[in-house]
Amino acid sequence: MKRAESCARTLRPCFQGCCHPKTQKSMIYSVSVVLKDIFALGKDFPWERPSACPRCGHYRLWGHGYAPRYFRGFPSCLYLKCFRCPSCCCVLTLRPDSHFPRIRTCIAVIRDHIFHRERCGHWPRSDLARSNLRYWWNNLMRRTLAYLDHRFTGGMSTAFNLLSNPVNRLR
């Protein structure tokens, strides 16, 4: 009986509204930064705080630590700053605008490889893995068919420029 009474009095954690950990949303926020500076300064890099939450427009954002992310050409992870909105519980991760989300290679390198493949019919000599190149090419073809229709005649380079995120997987 004594054990049952102690369990009955144990308080459960109270989460206010949407701030339950399972309902938190995350968002990638693109910023114009130089990766070499982030690598050199590490967590001391002066990140610019967004003026408002892009999801709900709340004026105040809290610092939420750092997220380790890997990029091509750097031997270790780079720490990207995260912020949290106290109103909607959204977590913003600041990410360089020179890279697509979930892709470690910069947009310019991907664009050069795609354009060479379309122009010459084969991949250029590169130290990139062929599986990555095929992944980007196949996803670009899928997105072209999904968003630009089967009657699109512009070619893969035009489709790459028209689509906002042409090489990530469709969800």
N, C-alpha and C. Protein backbone atom coordinates (compact mmCIF):
# COMPACT_ATOMS: atom_id res chain seq x y z
N MET A 1 0.82 -1.19 0.00
CA MET A 1 0.00 0.00 0.00
C MET A 1 0.87 1.26 0.00
N LYS A 2 1.96 1.21 0.73
CA LYS A 2 2.82 2.37 0.82
C LYS A 2 3.44 2.70 -0.55
N ARG A 3 3.81 1.68 -1.32
CA ARG A 3 4.40 1.88 -2.63
C ARG A 3 3.40 2.52 -3.58
N ALA A 4 2.16 2.12 -3.55
CA ALA A 4 1.13 2.68 -4.42
C ALA A 4 0.87 4.14 -4.11
N GLU A 5 0.93 4.52 -2.85
CA GLU A 5 0.70 5.91 -2.48
C GLU A 5 1.81 6.81 -3.01
N SER A 6 3.06 6.35 -2.96
CA SER A 6 4.16 7.18 -3.44
C SER A 6 4.10 7.36 -4.95
N CYS A 7 3.62 6.35 -5.67
CA CYS A 7 3.48 6.48 -7.11
C CYS A 7 2.34 7.43 -7.46
N ALA A 8 1.30 7.43 -6.69
CA ALA A 8 0.17 8.28 -6.98
C ALA A 8 0.52 9.75 -6.81
N ARG A 9 1.44 10.05 -5.93
CA ARG A 9 1.81 11.44 -5.68
C ARG A 9 2.92 11.95 -6.61
N THR A 10 3.52 11.09 -7.41
CA THR A 10 4.58 11.52 -8.32
C THR A 10 3.99 12.38 -9.42
N LEU A 11 4.52 13.56 -9.57
CA LEU A 11 4.01 14.48 -10.58
C LEU A 11 4.63 14.16 -11.93
N ARG A 12 3.83 14.26 -12.96
CA ARG A 12 4.31 14.08 -14.32
C ARG A 12 4.83 15.42 -14.84
N PRO A 13 5.76 15.37 -15.77
CA PRO A 13 6.25 16.64 -16.31
C PRO A 13 5.13 17.37 -17.05
N CYS A 14 5.08 18.66 -16.86
CA CYS A 14 4.04 19.48 -17.46
C CYS A 14 4.63 20.24 -18.63
N PHE A 15 4.08 20.04 -19.82
CA PHE A 15 4.52 20.75 -21.02
C PHE A 15 3.44 21.75 -21.39
N GLN A 16 3.83 22.96 -21.64
CA GLN A 16 2.86 24.00 -21.97
C GLN A 16 2.56 23.96 -23.46
N GLY A 17 1.32 23.78 -23.81
CA GLY A 17 0.86 23.87 -25.20
C GLY A 17 1.64 22.98 -26.15
N CYS A 18 2.29 23.61 -27.12
CA CYS A 18 2.96 22.86 -28.19
C CYS A 18 4.41 22.53 -27.84
N CYS A 19 4.87 22.87 -26.67
CA CYS A 19 6.29 22.68 -26.35
C CYS A 19 6.63 21.27 -25.90
N HIS A 20 5.76 20.33 -26.14
CA HIS A 20 6.07 18.95 -25.85
C HIS A 20 7.18 18.51 -26.80
N PRO A 21 8.19 17.78 -26.32
CA PRO A 21 9.33 17.42 -27.18
C PRO A 21 8.94 16.70 -28.46
N LYS A 22 7.86 15.94 -28.45
CA LYS A 22 7.48 15.20 -29.66
C LYS A 22 6.81 16.10 -30.70
N THR A 23 6.35 17.29 -30.31
CA THR A 23 5.69 18.17 -31.26
C THR A 23 6.57 19.34 -31.69
N GLN A 24 7.82 19.38 -31.23
CA GLN A 24 8.70 20.46 -31.65
C GLN A 24 9.01 20.32 -33.14
N LYS A 25 9.02 21.43 -33.82
CA LYS A 25 9.33 21.45 -35.24
C LYS A 25 10.73 22.03 -35.42
N SER A 26 11.42 21.58 -36.44
CA SER A 26 12.74 22.14 -36.73
C SER A 26 12.69 22.77 -38.12
N MET A 27 13.52 23.78 -38.30
CA MET A 27 13.51 24.52 -39.54
C MET A 27 14.94 24.91 -39.88
N ILE A 28 15.28 24.84 -41.15
CA ILE A 28 16.61 25.26 -41.61
C ILE A 28 16.48 26.69 -42.11
N TYR A 29 17.34 27.56 -41.63
CA TYR A 29 17.31 28.97 -41.95
C TYR A 29 18.61 29.31 -42.67
N SER A 30 18.54 29.65 -43.94
CA SER A 30 19.74 29.91 -44.73
C SER A 30 20.28 31.30 -44.46
N VAL A 31 21.59 31.38 -44.24
CA VAL A 31 22.26 32.65 -44.01
C VAL A 31 23.51 32.72 -44.89
N SER A 32 23.93 33.91 -45.18
CA SER A 32 25.11 34.11 -46.01
C SER A 32 26.35 34.17 -45.11
N VAL A 33 27.10 33.09 -45.07
CA VAL A 33 28.32 33.01 -44.27
C VAL A 33 29.39 32.28 -45.07
N VAL A 34 30.63 32.41 -44.63
CA VAL A 34 31.76 31.73 -45.26
C VAL A 34 32.15 30.56 -44.37
N LEU A 35 32.15 29.36 -44.93
CA LEU A 35 32.45 28.16 -44.14
C LEU A 35 33.86 28.17 -43.56
N LYS A 36 34.81 28.77 -44.27
CA LYS A 36 36.19 28.82 -43.75
C LYS A 36 36.26 29.62 -42.46
N ASP A 37 35.46 30.67 -42.38
CA ASP A 37 35.43 31.47 -41.14
C ASP A 37 34.83 30.67 -39.99
N ILE A 38 33.77 29.92 -40.27
CA ILE A 38 33.16 29.08 -39.24
C ILE A 38 34.14 28.02 -38.77
N PHE A 39 34.87 27.43 -39.71
CA PHE A 39 35.85 26.40 -39.36
C PHE A 39 36.97 26.99 -38.51
N ALA A 40 37.43 28.20 -38.86
CA ALA A 40 38.54 28.81 -38.13
C ALA A 40 38.13 29.24 -36.72
N LEU A 41 36.93 29.80 -36.57
CA LEU A 41 36.50 30.33 -35.27
C LEU A 41 35.73 29.34 -34.42
N GLY A 42 35.17 28.31 -35.03
CA GLY A 42 34.41 27.31 -34.29
C GLY A 42 33.16 27.91 -33.65
N LYS A 43 32.96 27.64 -32.38
CA LYS A 43 31.78 28.14 -31.68
C LYS A 43 31.88 29.63 -31.36
N ASP A 44 33.05 30.23 -31.58
CA ASP A 44 33.22 31.66 -31.35
C ASP A 44 32.80 32.50 -32.55
N PHE A 45 32.32 31.86 -33.62
CA PHE A 45 31.89 32.60 -34.80
C PHE A 45 30.71 33.50 -34.44
N PRO A 46 30.72 34.77 -34.86
CA PRO A 46 29.63 35.70 -34.50
C PRO A 46 28.39 35.51 -35.38
N TRP A 47 27.53 34.60 -35.00
CA TRP A 47 26.30 34.35 -35.75
C TRP A 47 25.33 35.51 -35.57
N GLU A 48 24.66 35.89 -36.61
CA GLU A 48 23.65 36.94 -36.53
C GLU A 48 22.31 36.32 -36.17
N ARG A 49 21.72 36.84 -35.11
CA ARG A 49 20.43 36.33 -34.64
C ARG A 49 19.32 36.79 -35.58
N PRO A 50 18.44 35.88 -36.03
CA PRO A 50 17.30 36.31 -36.86
C PRO A 50 16.42 37.28 -36.08
N SER A 51 15.83 38.23 -36.78
CA SER A 51 15.03 39.26 -36.11
C SER A 51 13.71 38.73 -35.58
N ALA A 52 13.16 37.70 -36.23
CA ALA A 52 11.88 37.13 -35.79
C ALA A 52 11.82 35.67 -36.22
N CYS A 53 10.93 34.94 -35.62
CA CYS A 53 10.72 33.54 -35.98
C CYS A 53 10.04 33.50 -37.36
N PRO A 54 10.60 32.79 -38.32
CA PRO A 54 9.98 32.72 -39.65
C PRO A 54 8.67 31.94 -39.66
N ARG A 55 8.42 31.15 -38.64
CA ARG A 55 7.21 30.34 -38.59
C ARG A 55 6.02 31.12 -38.02
N CYS A 56 6.22 31.79 -36.87
CA CYS A 56 5.10 32.48 -36.23
C CYS A 56 5.28 33.99 -36.14
N GLY A 57 6.50 34.49 -36.43
CA GLY A 57 6.74 35.92 -36.41
C GLY A 57 7.05 36.49 -35.04
N HIS A 58 7.25 35.63 -34.04
CA HIS A 58 7.55 36.10 -32.68
C HIS A 58 8.87 36.86 -32.70
N TYR A 59 8.95 37.95 -31.96
CA TYR A 59 10.09 38.86 -32.03
C TYR A 59 11.33 38.37 -31.29
N ARG A 60 11.19 37.38 -30.44
CA ARG A 60 12.31 36.98 -29.60
C ARG A 60 12.69 35.52 -29.85
N LEU A 61 13.96 35.27 -30.03
CA LEU A 61 14.47 33.91 -30.20
C LEU A 61 15.53 33.64 -29.14
N TRP A 62 15.51 32.45 -28.59
CA TRP A 62 16.48 32.05 -27.58
C TRP A 62 17.60 31.26 -28.23
N GLY A 63 18.81 31.39 -27.71
CA GLY A 63 19.91 30.55 -28.15
C GLY A 63 19.63 29.10 -27.75
N HIS A 64 19.91 28.18 -28.65
CA HIS A 64 19.58 26.77 -28.39
C HIS A 64 20.78 25.86 -28.62
N GLY A 65 21.99 26.42 -28.53
CA GLY A 65 23.19 25.60 -28.67
C GLY A 65 23.68 25.52 -30.10
N TYR A 66 24.41 24.44 -30.37
CA TYR A 66 25.04 24.26 -31.67
C TYR A 66 24.74 22.85 -32.18
N ALA A 67 24.66 22.75 -33.50
CA ALA A 67 24.44 21.46 -34.15
C ALA A 67 25.68 21.13 -34.99
N PRO A 68 26.30 19.98 -34.76
CA PRO A 68 27.47 19.62 -35.58
C PRO A 68 27.02 19.16 -36.97
N ARG A 69 27.59 19.74 -38.00
CA ARG A 69 27.27 19.38 -39.38
C ARG A 69 28.57 19.21 -40.15
N TYR A 70 28.57 18.28 -41.09
CA TYR A 70 29.75 17.99 -41.89
C TYR A 70 29.57 18.56 -43.29
N PHE A 71 30.65 19.13 -43.82
CA PHE A 71 30.65 19.68 -45.16
C PHE A 71 31.87 19.16 -45.90
N ARG A 72 31.74 19.03 -47.20
CA ARG A 72 32.81 18.53 -48.04
C ARG A 72 33.97 19.53 -48.02
N GLY A 73 35.17 19.01 -47.82
CA GLY A 73 36.36 19.85 -47.82
C GLY A 73 36.85 20.23 -46.43
N PHE A 74 36.14 19.81 -45.40
CA PHE A 74 36.56 20.12 -44.03
C PHE A 74 36.79 18.81 -43.28
N PRO A 75 37.91 18.71 -42.56
CA PRO A 75 38.26 17.45 -41.92
C PRO A 75 37.40 17.09 -40.71
N SER A 76 36.75 18.07 -40.11
CA SER A 76 35.91 17.79 -38.94
C SER A 76 34.59 18.53 -39.08
N CYS A 77 33.73 18.32 -38.12
CA CYS A 77 32.40 18.95 -38.19
C CYS A 77 32.49 20.45 -37.93
N LEU A 78 31.53 21.16 -38.47
CA LEU A 78 31.39 22.59 -38.20
C LEU A 78 30.17 22.76 -37.30
N TYR A 79 30.26 23.66 -36.34
CA TYR A 79 29.16 23.86 -35.41
C TYR A 79 28.30 25.01 -35.89
N LEU A 80 27.04 24.68 -36.25
CA LEU A 80 26.09 25.68 -36.72
C LEU A 80 25.18 26.07 -35.58
N LYS A 81 24.90 27.36 -35.45
CA LYS A 81 24.12 27.90 -34.35
C LYS A 81 22.64 27.56 -34.51
N CYS A 82 22.00 27.24 -33.38
CA CYS A 82 20.57 26.96 -33.35
C CYS A 82 19.88 27.97 -32.44
N PHE A 83 18.66 28.33 -32.79
CA PHE A 83 17.82 29.20 -31.98
C PHE A 83 16.47 28.53 -31.79
N ARG A 84 15.78 28.89 -30.71
CA ARG A 84 14.48 28.31 -30.40
C ARG A 84 13.49 29.43 -30.16
N CYS A 85 12.30 29.29 -30.75
CA CYS A 85 11.23 30.27 -30.56
C CYS A 85 10.42 29.86 -29.32
N PRO A 86 10.27 30.74 -28.32
CA PRO A 86 9.51 30.36 -27.13
C PRO A 86 8.01 30.30 -27.39
N SER A 87 7.55 30.90 -28.46
CA SER A 87 6.12 30.92 -28.75
C SER A 87 5.64 29.63 -29.43
N CYS A 88 6.29 29.25 -30.52
CA CYS A 88 5.84 28.05 -31.27
C CYS A 88 6.76 26.86 -31.09
N CYS A 89 7.83 26.99 -30.30
CA CYS A 89 8.79 25.91 -30.00
C CYS A 89 9.56 25.42 -31.23
N CYS A 90 9.61 26.21 -32.27
CA CYS A 90 10.35 25.84 -33.47
C CYS A 90 11.84 26.04 -33.22
N VAL A 91 12.65 25.09 -33.66
CA VAL A 91 14.10 25.19 -33.54
C VAL A 91 14.67 25.54 -34.91
N LEU A 92 15.36 26.68 -34.99
CA LEU A 92 15.97 27.14 -36.23
C LEU A 92 17.44 26.77 -36.22
N THR A 93 17.90 26.12 -37.27
CA THR A 93 19.31 25.84 -37.44
C THR A 93 19.83 26.72 -38.56
N LEU A 94 20.78 27.59 -38.27
CA LEU A 94 21.34 28.45 -39.29
C LEU A 94 22.29 27.64 -40.16
N ARG A 95 22.11 27.74 -41.47
CA ARG A 95 22.89 26.94 -42.41
C ARG A 95 23.37 27.84 -43.54
N PRO A 96 24.57 27.63 -44.06
CA PRO A 96 25.06 28.48 -45.15
C PRO A 96 24.19 28.34 -46.40
N ASP A 97 23.94 29.46 -47.07
CA ASP A 97 23.11 29.44 -48.26
C ASP A 97 23.84 28.89 -49.48
N SER A 98 25.11 28.57 -49.33
CA SER A 98 25.88 27.98 -50.44
C SER A 98 25.67 26.48 -50.56
N HIS A 99 24.87 25.89 -49.68
CA HIS A 99 24.63 24.44 -49.67
C HIS A 99 23.13 24.16 -49.60
N PHE A 100 22.70 23.09 -50.28
CA PHE A 100 21.33 22.62 -50.15
C PHE A 100 21.19 21.91 -48.80
N PRO A 101 19.99 21.90 -48.22
CA PRO A 101 19.78 21.12 -47.00
C PRO A 101 20.06 19.63 -47.24
N ARG A 102 20.71 18.99 -46.28
CA ARG A 102 21.04 17.57 -46.30
C ARG A 102 22.10 17.18 -47.32
N ILE A 103 22.74 18.15 -47.96
CA ILE A 103 23.77 17.88 -48.95
C ILE A 103 25.07 18.52 -48.46
N ARG A 104 26.17 17.78 -48.48
CA ARG A 104 27.45 18.27 -47.97
C ARG A 104 28.26 19.04 -49.00
N THR A 105 27.95 18.88 -50.27
CA THR A 105 28.70 19.53 -51.35
C THR A 105 28.02 20.84 -51.72
N CYS A 106 28.80 21.85 -52.07
CA CYS A 106 28.22 23.16 -52.36
C CYS A 106 27.47 23.14 -53.69
N ILE A 107 26.56 24.08 -53.83
CA ILE A 107 25.67 24.15 -54.98
C ILE A 107 26.46 24.35 -56.28
N ALA A 108 27.51 25.16 -56.25
CA ALA A 108 28.29 25.44 -57.45
C ALA A 108 28.94 24.18 -58.01
N VAL A 109 29.46 23.34 -57.15
CA VAL A 109 30.10 22.09 -57.61
C VAL A 109 29.05 21.14 -58.20
N ILE A 110 27.91 21.04 -57.56
CA ILE A 110 26.83 20.19 -58.08
C ILE A 110 26.38 20.70 -59.44
N ARG A 111 26.18 22.01 -59.56
CA ARG A 111 25.73 22.61 -60.82
C ARG A 111 26.76 22.33 -61.93
N ASP A 112 28.05 22.50 -61.65
CA ASP A 112 29.08 22.25 -62.66
C ASP A 112 29.06 20.81 -63.14
N HIS A 113 28.89 19.86 -62.22
CA HIS A 113 28.87 18.44 -62.60
C HIS A 113 27.61 18.11 -63.41
N ILE A 114 26.47 18.65 -63.01
CA ILE A 114 25.22 18.40 -63.75
C ILE A 114 25.32 18.98 -65.16
N PHE A 115 25.81 20.21 -65.28
CA PHE A 115 25.92 20.84 -66.60
C PHE A 115 26.90 20.09 -67.50
N HIS A 116 28.01 19.62 -66.94
CA HIS A 116 28.98 18.84 -67.74
C HIS A 116 28.35 17.53 -68.21
N ARG A 117 27.60 16.88 -67.34
CA ARG A 117 26.94 15.60 -67.70
C ARG A 117 25.94 15.81 -68.83
N GLU A 118 25.19 16.91 -68.77
CA GLU A 118 24.21 17.17 -69.82
C GLU A 118 24.89 17.54 -71.14
N ARG A 119 25.94 18.34 -71.07
CA ARG A 119 26.62 18.82 -72.27
C ARG A 119 27.44 17.72 -72.95
N CYS A 120 28.18 16.93 -72.18
CA CYS A 120 29.12 15.96 -72.76
C CYS A 120 28.61 14.53 -72.75
N GLY A 121 27.63 14.21 -71.90
CA GLY A 121 27.11 12.85 -71.86
C GLY A 121 27.82 11.95 -70.86
N HIS A 122 28.82 12.47 -70.15
CA HIS A 122 29.52 11.68 -69.14
C HIS A 122 29.91 12.60 -68.00
N TRP A 123 30.23 12.00 -66.87
CA TRP A 123 30.62 12.79 -65.70
C TRP A 123 32.04 13.29 -65.86
N PRO A 124 32.35 14.48 -65.36
CA PRO A 124 33.74 14.95 -65.43
C PRO A 124 34.63 14.19 -64.45
N ARG A 125 35.93 14.26 -64.67
CA ARG A 125 36.86 13.65 -63.70
C ARG A 125 36.74 14.41 -62.39
N SER A 126 36.54 13.66 -61.33
CA SER A 126 36.29 14.30 -60.05
C SER A 126 36.59 13.32 -58.93
N ASP A 127 36.80 13.85 -57.74
CA ASP A 127 36.99 12.98 -56.58
C ASP A 127 35.66 12.72 -55.87
N LEU A 128 34.55 13.21 -56.43
CA LEU A 128 33.23 12.91 -55.87
C LEU A 128 32.85 11.47 -56.19
N ALA A 129 32.12 10.86 -55.30
CA ALA A 129 31.68 9.48 -55.53
C ALA A 129 30.63 9.44 -56.64
N ARG A 130 30.74 8.43 -57.51
CA ARG A 130 29.76 8.28 -58.60
C ARG A 130 28.36 8.09 -58.07
N SER A 131 28.25 7.47 -56.91
CA SER A 131 26.91 7.27 -56.35
C SER A 131 26.26 8.62 -56.00
N ASN A 132 27.04 9.58 -55.51
CA ASN A 132 26.50 10.92 -55.25
C ASN A 132 26.05 11.60 -56.53
N LEU A 133 26.88 11.50 -57.56
CA LEU A 133 26.55 12.12 -58.84
C LEU A 133 25.26 11.53 -59.41
N ARG A 134 25.16 10.20 -59.37
CA ARG A 134 23.92 9.56 -59.87
C ARG A 134 22.73 9.93 -59.00
N TYR A 135 22.89 10.03 -57.72
CA TYR A 135 21.81 10.41 -56.81
C TYR A 135 21.27 11.80 -57.18
N TRP A 136 22.18 12.76 -57.39
CA TRP A 136 21.75 14.11 -57.76
C TRP A 136 21.08 14.11 -59.12
N TRP A 137 21.62 13.40 -60.09
CA TRP A 137 21.06 13.36 -61.44
C TRP A 137 19.66 12.73 -61.42
N ASN A 138 19.52 11.59 -60.75
CA ASN A 138 18.21 10.92 -60.71
C ASN A 138 17.17 11.75 -59.97
N ASN A 139 17.55 12.40 -58.88
CA ASN A 139 16.60 13.24 -58.16
C ASN A 139 16.22 14.47 -58.96
N LEU A 140 17.16 15.02 -59.73
CA LEU A 140 16.84 16.14 -60.61
C LEU A 140 15.84 15.70 -61.67
N MET A 141 16.01 14.51 -62.22
CA MET A 141 15.05 14.00 -63.22
C MET A 141 13.68 13.78 -62.59
N ARG A 142 13.64 13.20 -61.39
CA ARG A 142 12.36 12.98 -60.71
C ARG A 142 11.64 14.29 -60.42
N ARG A 143 12.37 15.27 -59.91
CA ARG A 143 11.76 16.56 -59.60
C ARG A 143 11.31 17.29 -60.86
N THR A 144 12.05 17.13 -61.95
CA THR A 144 11.65 17.75 -63.21
C THR A 144 10.32 17.17 -63.68
N LEU A 145 10.18 15.85 -63.61
CA LEU A 145 8.92 15.23 -64.01
C LEU A 145 7.79 15.58 -63.06
N ALA A 146 8.08 15.70 -61.77
CA ALA A 146 7.03 15.97 -60.79
C ALA A 146 6.54 17.41 -60.84
N TYR A 147 7.45 18.36 -60.98
CA TYR A 147 7.08 19.76 -60.88
C TYR A 147 7.00 20.50 -62.20
N LEU A 148 7.75 20.07 -63.21
CA LEU A 148 7.77 20.80 -64.48
C LEU A 148 7.02 20.07 -65.59
N ASP A 149 6.50 18.87 -65.31
CA ASP A 149 5.67 18.12 -66.25
C ASP A 149 6.53 17.37 -67.28
N HIS A 150 5.94 16.38 -67.89
CA HIS A 150 6.66 15.56 -68.87
C HIS A 150 6.85 16.29 -70.20
N ARG A 151 6.14 17.39 -70.41
CA ARG A 151 6.27 18.14 -71.66
C ARG A 151 7.38 19.20 -71.59
N PHE A 152 8.07 19.28 -70.47
CA PHE A 152 9.15 20.25 -70.32
C PHE A 152 10.29 19.89 -71.25
N THR A 153 10.75 20.85 -72.04
CA THR A 153 11.79 20.57 -73.05
C THR A 153 13.06 21.39 -72.83
N GLY A 154 13.21 21.98 -71.68
CA GLY A 154 14.34 22.87 -71.45
C GLY A 154 15.67 22.21 -71.17
N GLY A 155 15.68 20.95 -70.76
CA GLY A 155 16.93 20.31 -70.42
C GLY A 155 17.20 20.36 -68.93
N MET A 156 18.17 19.56 -68.49
CA MET A 156 18.46 19.43 -67.07
C MET A 156 19.07 20.71 -66.48
N SER A 157 19.88 21.43 -67.25
CA SER A 157 20.48 22.65 -66.71
C SER A 157 19.41 23.72 -66.47
N THR A 158 18.44 23.83 -67.34
CA THR A 158 17.34 24.77 -67.14
C THR A 158 16.48 24.34 -65.96
N ALA A 159 16.22 23.05 -65.84
CA ALA A 159 15.44 22.54 -64.72
C ALA A 159 16.16 22.78 -63.40
N PHE A 160 17.48 22.61 -63.41
CA PHE A 160 18.27 22.86 -62.19
C PHE A 160 18.09 24.31 -61.73
N ASN A 161 18.09 25.25 -62.68
CA ASN A 161 17.95 26.65 -62.34
C ASN A 161 16.52 27.02 -61.95
N LEU A 162 15.52 26.32 -62.46
CA LEU A 162 14.13 26.63 -62.17
C LEU A 162 13.66 26.09 -60.82
N LEU A 163 14.14 24.92 -60.44
CA LEU A 163 13.70 24.29 -59.20
C LEU A 163 14.44 24.87 -58.01
N SER A 164 13.74 24.97 -56.87
CA SER A 164 14.36 25.58 -55.69
C SER A 164 15.37 24.65 -55.02
N ASN A 165 15.09 23.37 -55.00
CA ASN A 165 16.01 22.39 -54.38
C ASN A 165 16.02 21.16 -55.28
N PRO A 166 16.77 21.20 -56.38
CA PRO A 166 16.61 20.18 -57.41
C PRO A 166 17.23 18.82 -57.14
N VAL A 167 18.14 18.69 -56.19
CA VAL A 167 18.85 17.43 -56.06
C VAL A 167 18.48 16.63 -54.82
N ASN A 168 17.62 17.15 -53.96
CA ASN A 168 17.19 16.38 -52.79
C ASN A 168 16.08 15.42 -53.17
N ARG A 169 15.94 14.40 -52.39
CA ARG A 169 14.96 13.36 -52.62
C ARG A 169 13.54 13.91 -52.43
N LEU A 170 12.61 13.45 -53.26
CA LEU A 170 11.20 13.80 -53.10
C LEU A 170 10.65 13.12 -51.87
N ARG A 171 9.80 13.79 -51.12
CA ARG A 171 9.19 13.20 -49.93
C ARG A 171 7.71 13.18 -50.06
